[in-house]
Protein backbone atom coordinates (compact mmCIF):
# COMPACT_ATOMS: atom_id res chain seq x y z
CA UNK A 1 134.43 109.54 97.73
CA UNK A 2 135.70 108.90 101.25
CA UNK A 3 133.42 111.59 102.67
CA UNK A 4 130.43 110.12 100.83
CA UNK A 5 131.18 106.72 102.36
CA UNK A 6 131.41 108.24 105.85
CA UNK A 7 128.08 110.00 105.42
CA UNK A 8 126.42 106.87 104.04
CA UNK A 9 127.75 104.83 106.95
CA UNK A 10 125.97 107.17 109.39
CA UNK A 11 122.56 106.43 107.87
CA UNK A 12 120.46 104.18 110.10
CA UNK A 13 119.08 101.86 107.43
CA UNK A 14 119.43 98.13 106.89
CA UNK A 15 120.21 96.56 103.54
CA UNK A 16 122.95 99.00 102.55
CA UNK A 17 124.68 98.47 99.21
CA UNK A 18 127.60 100.33 97.63
CA UNK A 19 127.91 100.80 93.85
CA UNK A 20 131.38 102.31 93.42
CA UNK A 21 132.93 103.27 90.09
CA UNK A 22 136.51 104.20 89.34
CA UNK A 23 137.71 107.65 90.32
CA UNK A 24 139.32 109.06 87.22
CA UNK A 25 142.22 111.48 86.84
CA UNK A 26 144.09 110.55 90.03
CA UNK A 27 147.35 109.98 88.16
CA UNK A 28 150.16 108.04 89.80
CA UNK A 29 148.23 107.80 93.08
CA UNK A 30 145.22 106.11 91.50
CA UNK A 31 145.75 102.55 92.71
CA UNK A 32 146.70 103.64 96.23
CA UNK A 33 143.62 105.90 96.45
CA UNK A 34 141.35 103.12 95.20
CA UNK A 35 142.90 100.73 97.75
CA UNK A 36 142.16 103.26 100.52
CA UNK A 37 138.54 103.65 99.41
CA UNK A 38 138.08 99.89 99.11
CA UNK A 39 139.50 99.37 102.62
CA UNK A 40 137.08 102.00 103.94
CA UNK A 41 134.15 100.35 102.13
CA UNK A 42 135.10 96.91 103.43
CA UNK A 43 135.14 98.20 107.01
CA UNK A 44 131.55 99.45 106.68
CA UNK A 45 128.39 97.64 107.71
CA UNK A 46 127.05 96.97 104.20
CA UNK A 47 125.60 93.85 102.63
CA UNK A 48 127.11 94.17 99.19
CA UNK A 49 129.82 96.13 97.39
CA UNK A 50 129.71 96.39 93.61
CA UNK A 51 132.94 97.73 92.06
CA UNK A 52 133.08 99.02 88.50
CA UNK A 53 136.26 99.66 86.52
CA UNK A 54 139.88 98.74 86.04
CA UNK A 55 141.23 100.84 88.93
CA UNK A 56 139.00 99.13 91.48
CA UNK A 57 140.01 95.79 89.92
CA UNK A 58 143.65 96.64 90.60
CA UNK A 59 142.81 97.76 94.15
CA UNK A 60 140.92 94.52 94.82
CA UNK A 61 143.89 92.53 93.55
CA UNK A 62 146.20 94.47 95.87
CA UNK A 63 143.99 93.80 98.90
CA UNK A 64 143.42 90.15 98.05
CA UNK A 65 147.16 89.70 97.57
CA UNK A 66 147.73 91.22 101.01
CA UNK A 67 149.97 93.95 99.63
CA UNK A 68 150.17 97.33 101.31
CA UNK A 69 149.49 100.44 99.21
CA UNK A 70 153.12 101.50 98.90
CA UNK A 71 155.88 101.19 96.31
CA UNK A 72 154.83 97.55 95.86
CA UNK A 73 151.40 98.68 94.62
CA UNK A 74 152.81 99.58 91.22
CA UNK A 75 154.17 96.06 90.73
CA UNK A 76 150.92 94.40 91.82
CA UNK A 77 148.83 96.83 89.76
CA UNK A 78 150.95 96.16 86.67
CA UNK A 79 150.51 92.41 87.14
CA UNK A 80 146.77 92.87 87.67
CA UNK A 81 146.45 95.02 84.56
CA UNK A 82 148.16 92.40 82.40
CA UNK A 83 146.07 89.51 83.76
CA UNK A 84 142.92 88.55 81.88
CA UNK A 85 139.79 89.73 83.67
CA UNK A 86 136.67 87.68 84.06
CA UNK A 87 133.11 88.90 83.52
CA UNK A 88 132.40 89.25 87.21
CA UNK A 89 134.75 88.26 90.00
CA UNK A 90 133.14 87.84 93.39
CA UNK A 91 134.59 87.54 96.86
CA UNK A 92 132.09 86.58 99.51
CA UNK A 93 132.30 86.50 103.29
CA UNK A 94 134.17 83.42 104.37
CA UNK A 95 136.13 83.13 101.12
CA UNK A 96 139.84 82.83 101.69
CA UNK A 97 141.43 86.26 101.42
CA UNK A 98 138.19 88.23 101.25
CA UNK A 99 138.92 91.75 102.55
CA UNK A 100 135.34 92.43 103.64
CA UNK A 101 134.10 91.28 107.01
CA UNK A 102 130.47 90.90 106.00
CA UNK A 103 129.90 92.23 102.50
CA UNK A 104 129.80 90.31 99.24
CA UNK A 105 132.11 92.04 96.76
CA UNK A 106 131.49 91.85 93.02
CA UNK A 107 133.70 93.37 90.36
CA UNK A 108 132.55 94.49 86.91
CA UNK A 109 134.48 95.85 83.94
CA UNK A 110 131.92 98.57 83.20
CA UNK A 111 128.44 99.87 83.97
CA UNK A 112 126.90 97.81 81.15
CA UNK A 113 128.15 94.61 82.71
CA UNK A 114 126.77 95.62 86.11
CA UNK A 115 123.47 96.53 84.42
CA UNK A 116 123.15 92.94 83.25
CA UNK A 117 123.60 91.73 86.81
CA UNK A 118 121.08 94.24 88.18
CA UNK A 119 118.50 93.17 85.59
CA UNK A 120 118.94 89.54 86.64
CA UNK A 121 119.17 90.29 90.37
CA UNK A 122 117.40 93.58 91.22
CA UNK A 123 118.33 95.44 94.40
CA UNK A 124 114.78 96.22 95.49
CA UNK A 125 114.18 97.50 99.02
CA UNK A 126 117.83 98.43 99.57
CA UNK A 127 119.57 101.65 100.57
CA UNK A 128 122.14 102.29 97.84
CA UNK A 129 125.05 104.69 97.45
CA UNK A 130 126.13 105.21 93.84
CA UNK A 131 129.45 107.02 93.49
CA UNK A 132 132.07 107.22 90.76
CA UNK A 133 133.52 109.46 88.08
CA UNK A 134 131.07 110.57 85.40
CA UNK A 135 133.11 108.70 82.78
CA UNK A 136 132.19 105.38 84.40
CA UNK A 137 128.50 106.07 83.60
CA UNK A 138 126.95 104.76 86.81
CA UNK A 139 124.05 107.16 86.20
CA UNK A 140 122.82 104.69 83.56
CA UNK A 141 122.05 102.23 86.37
CA UNK A 142 119.54 104.41 88.24
CA UNK A 143 116.57 103.21 86.18
CA UNK A 144 117.41 99.61 87.18
CA UNK A 145 117.26 100.30 90.92
């Protein structure tokens, strides 16, 4: 996923949006890897970042808590996993603790939930990268773009 983000960043288009779904089967390194990808995404010149899945939710919690992806990640991830999740949690530029310099970040439990958002607020005229494990089903969103 990191290579895809680097390649997308090189594209000379405005209105870039990232739709990122969990990377499955990473085992014990999952939260740390998702934190690394989220940091990379937040450093990019994109307008919006849509995150789908529990692993990105844990990574977002780690970054918003200011924790480093180390041994402490497991404790933060465990706390995040036990906390109730909301339908869509958003962090926008200027919000206290927002890890992104200029992108609005929205978090969704699954592709169906994001589909509801995309139906209500279409991403027309944007350059979009869709990337995630097949099990997250981001391919179901293509018809909405």
